[in-house]
Amino acid sequence: MFKTLSIAALVLAACAASAQSLPQMRMTPAEIRALTLDDNQIGSSKLPGVHTKVLFGDPAKAGLYMILLFVPAHTTIQAHSHRDDRMASVLSGEWHFGYGEHFDAQSLKTLPPGSVYSEPGGVNHFARTDADPVIVQISGYGPTDTRYFDPADDPKAREKK
């Protein structure tokens, strides 16, 4: 309970500091799954099939942002990092998440719905989904980016070839 109140206080303080007002929002799990997804993938792995929906702020600009990350079933995300510190909550599905410079299935921790984890700025991490898609809510203070540890793993680099 204390952590939830602390996170809520932090969000409200960041909104006040960034001069953005927090919109009223209420969504059920079914409404979240039915959302129209944004075309941009800023702050995501940039893999085909992975989509984001911006809930608050602009991940490309300085300030608090919140996104929903939608990851399809049977997806592996190679080691990458983001410049900003991020906190995340697993909303649905079973997310397998680990830290390190290379994908390592032995280092994955299974995070069921309700789990939280961090993505410290500049720290490489990787993930996988199994039979079910996953929805993760990610909050950070932008601007954000995605940098793959091995540039050959970056989907955008593969598209240019």
N, C-alpha and C. Protein backbone atom coordinates (compact mmCIF):
# COMPACT_ATOMS: atom_id res chain seq x y z
N MET A 1 0.83 -1.19 0.00
CA MET A 1 0.00 0.00 0.00
C MET A 1 0.87 1.25 0.00
N PHE A 2 1.94 1.26 0.83
CA PHE A 2 2.81 2.43 0.90
C PHE A 2 3.47 2.70 -0.45
N LYS A 3 3.92 1.61 -1.12
CA LYS A 3 4.57 1.78 -2.43
C LYS A 3 3.59 2.35 -3.44
N THR A 4 2.34 1.88 -3.42
CA THR A 4 1.33 2.40 -4.34
C THR A 4 1.09 3.88 -4.10
N LEU A 5 0.98 4.27 -2.83
CA LEU A 5 0.80 5.69 -2.51
C LEU A 5 2.01 6.50 -2.91
N SER A 6 3.20 5.96 -2.71
CA SER A 6 4.43 6.67 -3.09
C SER A 6 4.49 6.87 -4.60
N ILE A 7 4.12 5.84 -5.37
CA ILE A 7 4.13 5.97 -6.83
C ILE A 7 3.10 7.00 -7.26
N ALA A 8 1.92 6.96 -6.68
CA ALA A 8 0.88 7.94 -7.03
C ALA A 8 1.34 9.35 -6.70
N ALA A 9 1.97 9.54 -5.54
CA ALA A 9 2.47 10.87 -5.17
C ALA A 9 3.54 11.33 -6.14
N LEU A 10 4.42 10.42 -6.55
CA LEU A 10 5.48 10.75 -7.51
C LEU A 10 4.88 11.17 -8.85
N VAL A 11 3.87 10.44 -9.32
CA VAL A 11 3.22 10.78 -10.58
C VAL A 11 2.59 12.16 -10.50
N LEU A 12 1.87 12.44 -9.43
CA LEU A 12 1.23 13.74 -9.29
C LEU A 12 2.26 14.86 -9.18
N ALA A 13 3.35 14.63 -8.46
CA ALA A 13 4.40 15.64 -8.36
C ALA A 13 5.04 15.90 -9.71
N ALA A 14 5.28 14.85 -10.47
CA ALA A 14 5.89 15.01 -11.80
C ALA A 14 4.95 15.75 -12.73
N CYS A 15 3.65 15.48 -12.64
CA CYS A 15 2.68 16.19 -13.47
C CYS A 15 2.70 17.68 -13.14
N ALA A 16 2.74 17.99 -11.85
CA ALA A 16 2.77 19.39 -11.44
C ALA A 16 4.05 20.07 -11.93
N ALA A 17 5.18 19.37 -11.82
CA ALA A 17 6.46 19.94 -12.23
C ALA A 17 6.54 20.13 -13.74
N SER A 18 5.88 19.27 -14.50
CA SER A 18 5.98 19.37 -15.96
C SER A 18 4.87 20.23 -16.56
N ALA A 19 3.99 20.78 -15.73
CA ALA A 19 2.91 21.66 -16.16
C ALA A 19 1.91 20.95 -17.05
N GLN A 20 1.87 19.63 -16.99
CA GLN A 20 0.85 18.88 -17.70
C GLN A 20 -0.22 18.49 -16.70
N SER A 21 -1.46 18.56 -17.14
CA SER A 21 -2.50 18.13 -16.22
C SER A 21 -2.82 16.66 -16.50
N LEU A 22 -3.09 15.95 -15.47
CA LEU A 22 -3.39 14.53 -15.58
C LEU A 22 -4.84 14.38 -16.00
N PRO A 23 -5.09 13.70 -17.14
CA PRO A 23 -6.47 13.54 -17.59
C PRO A 23 -7.20 12.51 -16.74
N GLN A 24 -8.51 12.63 -16.71
CA GLN A 24 -9.31 11.60 -16.06
C GLN A 24 -9.28 10.36 -16.95
N MET A 25 -9.10 9.19 -16.34
CA MET A 25 -9.03 7.97 -17.12
C MET A 25 -9.48 6.80 -16.26
N ARG A 26 -10.34 5.97 -16.81
CA ARG A 26 -10.76 4.73 -16.17
C ARG A 26 -10.88 3.70 -17.28
N MET A 27 -10.13 2.60 -17.16
CA MET A 27 -10.18 1.56 -18.18
C MET A 27 -10.20 0.18 -17.53
N THR A 28 -11.08 -0.65 -18.02
CA THR A 28 -11.11 -2.04 -17.59
C THR A 28 -10.08 -2.82 -18.40
N PRO A 29 -9.72 -4.02 -17.97
CA PRO A 29 -8.80 -4.83 -18.78
C PRO A 29 -9.29 -5.03 -20.22
N ALA A 30 -10.58 -5.25 -20.40
CA ALA A 30 -11.13 -5.43 -21.75
C ALA A 30 -10.94 -4.16 -22.59
N GLU A 31 -11.13 -3.00 -21.98
CA GLU A 31 -10.94 -1.73 -22.70
C GLU A 31 -9.48 -1.51 -23.06
N ILE A 32 -8.58 -1.91 -22.19
CA ILE A 32 -7.15 -1.79 -22.49
C ILE A 32 -6.80 -2.66 -23.69
N ARG A 33 -7.25 -3.91 -23.69
CA ARG A 33 -6.95 -4.83 -24.80
C ARG A 33 -7.54 -4.33 -26.11
N ALA A 34 -8.63 -3.57 -26.06
CA ALA A 34 -9.32 -3.09 -27.27
C ALA A 34 -8.77 -1.76 -27.78
N LEU A 35 -7.79 -1.18 -27.11
CA LEU A 35 -7.26 0.13 -27.51
C LEU A 35 -6.70 0.11 -28.93
N THR A 36 -6.88 1.22 -29.63
CA THR A 36 -6.19 1.43 -30.90
C THR A 36 -4.75 1.76 -30.56
N LEU A 37 -3.81 1.06 -31.19
CA LEU A 37 -2.41 1.20 -30.83
C LEU A 37 -1.75 2.30 -31.64
N ASP A 38 -0.78 2.97 -31.02
CA ASP A 38 -0.02 4.01 -31.70
C ASP A 38 0.92 3.39 -32.72
N ASP A 39 1.19 4.13 -33.81
CA ASP A 39 2.14 3.65 -34.81
C ASP A 39 3.58 3.75 -34.34
N ASN A 40 3.87 4.75 -33.50
CA ASN A 40 5.26 4.89 -33.07
C ASN A 40 5.59 3.81 -32.07
N GLN A 41 6.85 3.50 -31.99
CA GLN A 41 7.31 2.49 -31.05
C GLN A 41 8.37 3.05 -30.13
N ILE A 42 8.41 4.36 -29.95
CA ILE A 42 9.42 4.94 -29.09
C ILE A 42 9.34 4.31 -27.70
N GLY A 43 10.48 3.90 -27.21
CA GLY A 43 10.54 3.27 -25.90
C GLY A 43 10.24 1.79 -25.93
N SER A 44 10.00 1.23 -27.12
CA SER A 44 9.75 -0.21 -27.21
C SER A 44 10.93 -0.88 -27.90
N SER A 45 10.79 -2.18 -28.13
CA SER A 45 11.87 -2.95 -28.75
C SER A 45 11.96 -2.73 -30.25
N LYS A 46 10.95 -2.11 -30.85
CA LYS A 46 10.87 -1.86 -32.28
C LYS A 46 10.68 -3.13 -33.10
N LEU A 47 10.33 -4.25 -32.46
CA LEU A 47 10.10 -5.50 -33.17
C LEU A 47 8.74 -5.48 -33.86
N PRO A 48 8.63 -6.14 -35.02
CA PRO A 48 7.32 -6.26 -35.66
C PRO A 48 6.34 -6.93 -34.71
N GLY A 49 5.13 -6.39 -34.66
CA GLY A 49 4.11 -6.95 -33.79
C GLY A 49 4.06 -6.33 -32.41
N VAL A 50 5.15 -5.71 -31.97
CA VAL A 50 5.18 -5.03 -30.66
C VAL A 50 4.67 -3.62 -30.89
N HIS A 51 3.71 -3.20 -30.06
CA HIS A 51 3.11 -1.88 -30.22
C HIS A 51 3.04 -1.16 -28.89
N THR A 52 2.92 0.16 -28.96
CA THR A 52 2.75 0.96 -27.76
C THR A 52 1.51 1.83 -27.89
N LYS A 53 1.01 2.22 -26.75
CA LYS A 53 -0.07 3.21 -26.67
C LYS A 53 0.34 4.20 -25.61
N VAL A 54 0.48 5.46 -25.96
CA VAL A 54 0.86 6.50 -25.00
C VAL A 54 -0.37 6.84 -24.17
N LEU A 55 -0.23 6.71 -22.85
CA LEU A 55 -1.31 7.08 -21.93
C LEU A 55 -1.16 8.51 -21.44
N PHE A 56 0.09 8.95 -21.27
CA PHE A 56 0.33 10.28 -20.73
C PHE A 56 1.69 10.77 -21.18
N GLY A 57 1.81 12.05 -21.47
CA GLY A 57 3.07 12.67 -21.82
C GLY A 57 3.51 12.33 -23.22
N ASP A 58 4.79 12.58 -23.49
CA ASP A 58 5.40 12.32 -24.79
C ASP A 58 6.77 11.70 -24.54
N PRO A 59 6.93 10.40 -24.81
CA PRO A 59 8.21 9.73 -24.53
C PRO A 59 9.40 10.34 -25.28
N ALA A 60 9.14 11.12 -26.33
CA ALA A 60 10.22 11.74 -27.10
C ALA A 60 10.70 13.05 -26.49
N LYS A 61 9.97 13.55 -25.50
CA LYS A 61 10.29 14.85 -24.91
C LYS A 61 10.59 14.72 -23.43
N ALA A 62 11.22 15.75 -22.87
CA ALA A 62 11.49 15.77 -21.43
C ALA A 62 10.17 15.80 -20.69
N GLY A 63 10.05 14.96 -19.69
CA GLY A 63 8.86 14.93 -18.86
C GLY A 63 8.38 13.52 -18.62
N LEU A 64 7.46 13.42 -17.68
CA LEU A 64 6.88 12.14 -17.33
C LEU A 64 6.07 11.59 -18.50
N TYR A 65 6.20 10.30 -18.73
CA TYR A 65 5.36 9.63 -19.71
C TYR A 65 4.94 8.28 -19.17
N MET A 66 3.83 7.78 -19.69
CA MET A 66 3.36 6.43 -19.39
C MET A 66 2.90 5.81 -20.69
N ILE A 67 3.35 4.59 -20.94
CA ILE A 67 2.94 3.87 -22.13
C ILE A 67 2.45 2.49 -21.76
N LEU A 68 1.63 1.94 -22.61
CA LEU A 68 1.29 0.53 -22.55
C LEU A 68 2.09 -0.14 -23.65
N LEU A 69 2.74 -1.23 -23.30
CA LEU A 69 3.52 -2.01 -24.25
C LEU A 69 2.76 -3.32 -24.50
N PHE A 70 2.44 -3.57 -25.76
CA PHE A 70 1.72 -4.78 -26.17
C PHE A 70 2.70 -5.68 -26.89
N VAL A 71 2.94 -6.88 -26.34
CA VAL A 71 3.92 -7.81 -26.92
C VAL A 71 3.19 -9.10 -27.27
N PRO A 72 3.25 -9.52 -28.54
CA PRO A 72 2.54 -10.74 -28.94
C PRO A 72 3.16 -12.00 -28.31
N ALA A 73 2.40 -13.09 -28.38
CA ALA A 73 2.90 -14.39 -27.91
C ALA A 73 4.13 -14.80 -28.72
N HIS A 74 4.97 -15.60 -28.11
CA HIS A 74 6.16 -16.19 -28.76
C HIS A 74 7.11 -15.12 -29.33
N THR A 75 7.35 -14.09 -28.53
CA THR A 75 8.25 -13.01 -28.92
C THR A 75 9.47 -13.01 -28.01
N THR A 76 10.65 -12.90 -28.61
CA THR A 76 11.90 -12.76 -27.85
C THR A 76 12.48 -11.38 -28.16
N ILE A 77 12.78 -10.64 -27.11
CA ILE A 77 13.38 -9.31 -27.25
C ILE A 77 14.83 -9.41 -26.76
N GLN A 78 15.75 -9.13 -27.63
CA GLN A 78 17.18 -9.22 -27.32
C GLN A 78 17.62 -8.09 -26.38
N ALA A 79 18.81 -8.21 -25.83
CA ALA A 79 19.34 -7.25 -24.85
C ALA A 79 19.41 -5.84 -25.43
N HIS A 80 18.84 -4.91 -24.68
CA HIS A 80 18.82 -3.50 -25.07
C HIS A 80 18.69 -2.66 -23.81
N SER A 81 18.86 -1.35 -23.97
CA SER A 81 18.70 -0.43 -22.85
C SER A 81 17.97 0.82 -23.31
N HIS A 82 17.60 1.63 -22.33
CA HIS A 82 16.97 2.93 -22.58
C HIS A 82 17.74 3.96 -21.77
N ARG A 83 17.78 5.18 -22.22
CA ARG A 83 18.57 6.21 -21.51
C ARG A 83 17.96 6.63 -20.19
N ASP A 84 16.64 6.47 -20.06
CA ASP A 84 15.95 6.93 -18.85
C ASP A 84 15.63 5.75 -17.92
N ASP A 85 15.47 6.08 -16.63
CA ASP A 85 15.01 5.09 -15.65
C ASP A 85 13.52 4.86 -15.88
N ARG A 86 13.13 3.59 -15.83
CA ARG A 86 11.72 3.25 -16.07
C ARG A 86 11.24 2.24 -15.03
N MET A 87 9.98 2.36 -14.67
CA MET A 87 9.32 1.40 -13.79
C MET A 87 8.17 0.79 -14.59
N ALA A 88 7.93 -0.51 -14.38
CA ALA A 88 6.91 -1.18 -15.16
C ALA A 88 6.08 -2.12 -14.30
N SER A 89 4.84 -2.33 -14.74
CA SER A 89 3.92 -3.27 -14.10
C SER A 89 3.36 -4.18 -15.18
N VAL A 90 3.32 -5.46 -14.90
CA VAL A 90 2.72 -6.42 -15.83
C VAL A 90 1.22 -6.41 -15.60
N LEU A 91 0.47 -6.06 -16.64
CA LEU A 91 -0.99 -5.98 -16.52
C LEU A 91 -1.66 -7.30 -16.91
N SER A 92 -1.15 -7.94 -17.95
CA SER A 92 -1.73 -9.21 -18.36
C SER A 92 -0.67 -10.07 -19.03
N GLY A 93 -0.88 -11.37 -18.98
CA GLY A 93 0.06 -12.32 -19.56
C GLY A 93 1.21 -12.62 -18.62
N GLU A 94 2.05 -13.52 -19.04
CA GLU A 94 3.22 -13.91 -18.25
C GLU A 94 4.46 -13.41 -18.97
N TRP A 95 5.17 -12.49 -18.35
CA TRP A 95 6.33 -11.79 -18.91
C TRP A 95 7.57 -12.43 -18.31
N HIS A 96 8.51 -12.79 -19.14
CA HIS A 96 9.77 -13.39 -18.67
C HIS A 96 10.86 -12.34 -18.93
N PHE A 97 11.49 -11.87 -17.87
CA PHE A 97 12.35 -10.68 -17.94
C PHE A 97 13.69 -10.95 -17.27
N GLY A 98 14.77 -10.43 -17.87
CA GLY A 98 16.10 -10.59 -17.28
C GLY A 98 17.00 -9.41 -17.60
N TYR A 99 18.11 -9.34 -16.89
CA TYR A 99 19.12 -8.29 -17.08
C TYR A 99 20.40 -8.91 -17.62
N GLY A 100 21.09 -8.19 -18.50
CA GLY A 100 22.37 -8.64 -19.01
C GLY A 100 22.61 -8.16 -20.43
N GLU A 101 23.82 -8.37 -20.90
CA GLU A 101 24.21 -7.88 -22.22
C GLU A 101 23.81 -8.81 -23.36
N HIS A 102 23.41 -10.03 -23.03
CA HIS A 102 22.98 -10.99 -24.05
C HIS A 102 21.78 -11.75 -23.52
N PHE A 103 20.86 -12.09 -24.41
CA PHE A 103 19.70 -12.86 -24.00
C PHE A 103 20.17 -14.18 -23.38
N ASP A 104 19.64 -14.49 -22.21
CA ASP A 104 20.00 -15.71 -21.49
C ASP A 104 18.73 -16.26 -20.84
N ALA A 105 18.18 -17.32 -21.42
CA ALA A 105 16.93 -17.90 -20.91
C ALA A 105 17.05 -18.31 -19.45
N GLN A 106 18.25 -18.69 -19.00
CA GLN A 106 18.44 -19.10 -17.60
C GLN A 106 18.31 -17.93 -16.64
N SER A 107 18.49 -16.71 -17.13
CA SER A 107 18.43 -15.52 -16.28
C SER A 107 17.04 -14.89 -16.23
N LEU A 108 16.10 -15.43 -16.98
CA LEU A 108 14.75 -14.87 -17.00
C LEU A 108 14.02 -15.15 -15.68
N LYS A 109 13.29 -14.16 -15.22
CA LYS A 109 12.39 -14.34 -14.07
C LYS A 109 10.97 -14.22 -14.61
N THR A 110 10.12 -15.15 -14.24
CA THR A 110 8.73 -15.12 -14.67
C THR A 110 7.96 -14.11 -13.82
N LEU A 111 7.32 -13.17 -14.51
CA LEU A 111 6.56 -12.11 -13.85
C LEU A 111 5.09 -12.22 -14.26
N PRO A 112 4.24 -12.75 -13.39
CA PRO A 112 2.81 -12.85 -13.70
C PRO A 112 2.13 -11.48 -13.57
N PRO A 113 0.87 -11.37 -13.98
CA PRO A 113 0.15 -10.10 -13.80
C PRO A 113 0.22 -9.63 -12.35
N GLY A 114 0.41 -8.33 -12.21
CA GLY A 114 0.55 -7.73 -10.87
C GLY A 114 2.00 -7.53 -10.48
N SER A 115 2.93 -8.11 -11.23
CA SER A 115 4.36 -7.95 -10.93
C SER A 115 4.85 -6.57 -11.34
N VAL A 116 5.89 -6.11 -10.68
CA VAL A 116 6.55 -4.85 -11.04
C VAL A 116 8.04 -5.12 -11.23
N TYR A 117 8.68 -4.30 -12.04
CA TYR A 117 10.12 -4.41 -12.24
C TYR A 117 10.65 -3.06 -12.70
N SER A 118 11.98 -2.92 -12.66
CA SER A 118 12.61 -1.67 -13.09
C SER A 118 13.48 -1.90 -14.31
N GLU A 119 13.63 -0.85 -15.08
CA GLU A 119 14.57 -0.79 -16.19
C GLU A 119 15.47 0.41 -15.93
N PRO A 120 16.53 0.24 -15.12
CA PRO A 120 17.42 1.37 -14.84
C PRO A 120 18.05 1.91 -16.14
N GLY A 121 18.18 3.22 -16.24
CA GLY A 121 18.77 3.84 -17.42
C GLY A 121 20.14 3.27 -17.74
N GLY A 122 20.34 2.90 -19.01
CA GLY A 122 21.62 2.39 -19.46
C GLY A 122 21.89 0.94 -19.10
N VAL A 123 20.98 0.27 -18.42
CA VAL A 123 21.17 -1.13 -18.03
C VAL A 123 20.48 -2.03 -19.06
N ASN A 124 21.24 -2.95 -19.64
CA ASN A 124 20.68 -3.86 -20.64
C ASN A 124 19.75 -4.87 -19.99
N HIS A 125 18.68 -5.16 -20.71
CA HIS A 125 17.69 -6.12 -20.26
C HIS A 125 17.08 -6.80 -21.48
N PHE A 126 16.40 -7.91 -21.26
CA PHE A 126 15.81 -8.69 -22.35
C PHE A 126 14.55 -9.36 -21.83
N ALA A 127 13.73 -9.87 -22.76
CA ALA A 127 12.46 -10.44 -22.33
C ALA A 127 11.95 -11.45 -23.35
N ARG A 128 10.95 -12.21 -22.89
CA ARG A 128 10.32 -13.19 -23.77
C ARG A 128 8.87 -13.39 -23.33
N THR A 129 8.02 -13.66 -24.31
CA THR A 129 6.67 -14.12 -24.02
C THR A 129 6.57 -15.57 -24.46
N ASP A 130 5.65 -16.30 -23.86
CA ASP A 130 5.40 -17.68 -24.26
C ASP A 130 4.10 -17.74 -25.04
N ALA A 131 3.17 -18.55 -24.60
CA ALA A 131 1.94 -18.81 -25.36
C ALA A 131 0.94 -17.66 -25.36
N ASP A 132 1.08 -16.73 -24.42
CA ASP A 132 0.12 -15.64 -24.32
C ASP A 132 0.76 -14.30 -24.59
N PRO A 133 0.01 -13.36 -25.20
CA PRO A 133 0.52 -12.00 -25.33
C PRO A 133 0.62 -11.34 -23.95
N VAL A 134 1.39 -10.27 -23.89
CA VAL A 134 1.63 -9.56 -22.63
C VAL A 134 1.33 -8.08 -22.82
N ILE A 135 0.75 -7.47 -21.78
CA ILE A 135 0.59 -6.02 -21.74
C ILE A 135 1.32 -5.53 -20.50
N VAL A 136 2.21 -4.55 -20.70
CA VAL A 136 3.01 -3.97 -19.62
C VAL A 136 2.79 -2.47 -19.63
N GLN A 137 2.59 -1.88 -18.46
CA GLN A 137 2.54 -0.42 -18.33
C GLN A 137 3.93 0.03 -17.92
N ILE A 138 4.50 0.99 -18.66
CA ILE A 138 5.84 1.49 -18.39
C ILE A 138 5.76 3.00 -18.14
N SER A 139 6.41 3.45 -17.07
CA SER A 139 6.49 4.87 -16.75
C SER A 139 7.94 5.28 -16.70
N GLY A 140 8.22 6.46 -17.22
CA GLY A 140 9.58 6.98 -17.19
C GLY A 140 9.56 8.49 -17.32
N TYR A 141 10.75 9.06 -17.32
CA TYR A 141 10.91 10.50 -17.49
C TYR A 141 11.76 10.69 -18.74
N GLY A 142 11.12 11.11 -19.84
CA GLY A 142 11.77 11.21 -21.14
C GLY A 142 12.72 12.37 -21.25
N PRO A 143 13.40 12.39 -22.39
CA PRO A 143 13.15 11.55 -23.55
C PRO A 143 13.72 10.14 -23.35
N THR A 144 13.08 9.18 -24.03
CA THR A 144 13.54 7.80 -23.98
C THR A 144 14.03 7.38 -25.35
N ASP A 145 14.66 6.25 -25.39
CA ASP A 145 15.15 5.68 -26.64
C ASP A 145 15.33 4.19 -26.41
N THR A 146 15.77 3.49 -27.44
CA THR A 146 16.08 2.06 -27.33
C THR A 146 17.40 1.82 -28.04
N ARG A 147 18.36 1.25 -27.31
CA ARG A 147 19.68 0.93 -27.88
C ARG A 147 19.98 -0.54 -27.63
N TYR A 148 20.12 -1.30 -28.69
CA TYR A 148 20.47 -2.71 -28.57
C TYR A 148 21.94 -2.86 -28.24
N PHE A 149 22.25 -3.79 -27.32
CA PHE A 149 23.64 -4.05 -26.97
C PHE A 149 24.41 -4.48 -28.21
N ASP A 150 23.85 -5.40 -28.98
CA ASP A 150 24.44 -5.83 -30.25
C ASP A 150 23.65 -5.14 -31.36
N PRO A 151 24.25 -4.17 -32.06
CA PRO A 151 23.51 -3.44 -33.09
C PRO A 151 22.87 -4.35 -34.14
N ALA A 152 23.41 -5.54 -34.34
CA ALA A 152 22.83 -6.46 -35.31
C ALA A 152 21.45 -6.96 -34.88
N ASP A 153 21.12 -6.85 -33.57
CA ASP A 153 19.81 -7.26 -33.07
C ASP A 153 18.74 -6.19 -33.26
N ASP A 154 19.14 -4.98 -33.61
CA ASP A 154 18.19 -3.88 -33.75
C ASP A 154 17.34 -4.09 -35.00
N PRO A 155 16.02 -4.25 -34.86
CA PRO A 155 15.15 -4.46 -36.03
C PRO A 155 15.25 -3.35 -37.06
N LYS A 156 15.48 -2.13 -36.63
CA LYS A 156 15.59 -1.01 -37.56
C LYS A 156 16.86 -1.15 -38.42
N ALA A 157 17.94 -1.67 -37.86
CA ALA A 157 19.18 -1.88 -38.62
C ALA A 157 18.96 -2.98 -39.66
N ARG A 158 18.20 -4.02 -39.29
CA ARG A 158 17.93 -5.12 -40.22
C ARG A 158 17.06 -4.66 -41.38
N GLU A 159 16.14 -3.71 -41.13
CA GLU A 159 15.27 -3.19 -42.20
C GLU A 159 16.06 -2.44 -43.26
N LYS A 160 17.15 -1.79 -42.86
CA LYS A 160 17.94 -0.97 -43.79
C LYS A 160 18.77 -1.82 -44.74
N LYS A 161 19.01 -3.08 -44.40
CA LYS A 161 19.86 -3.93 -45.24
C LYS A 161 19.13 -4.43 -46.45
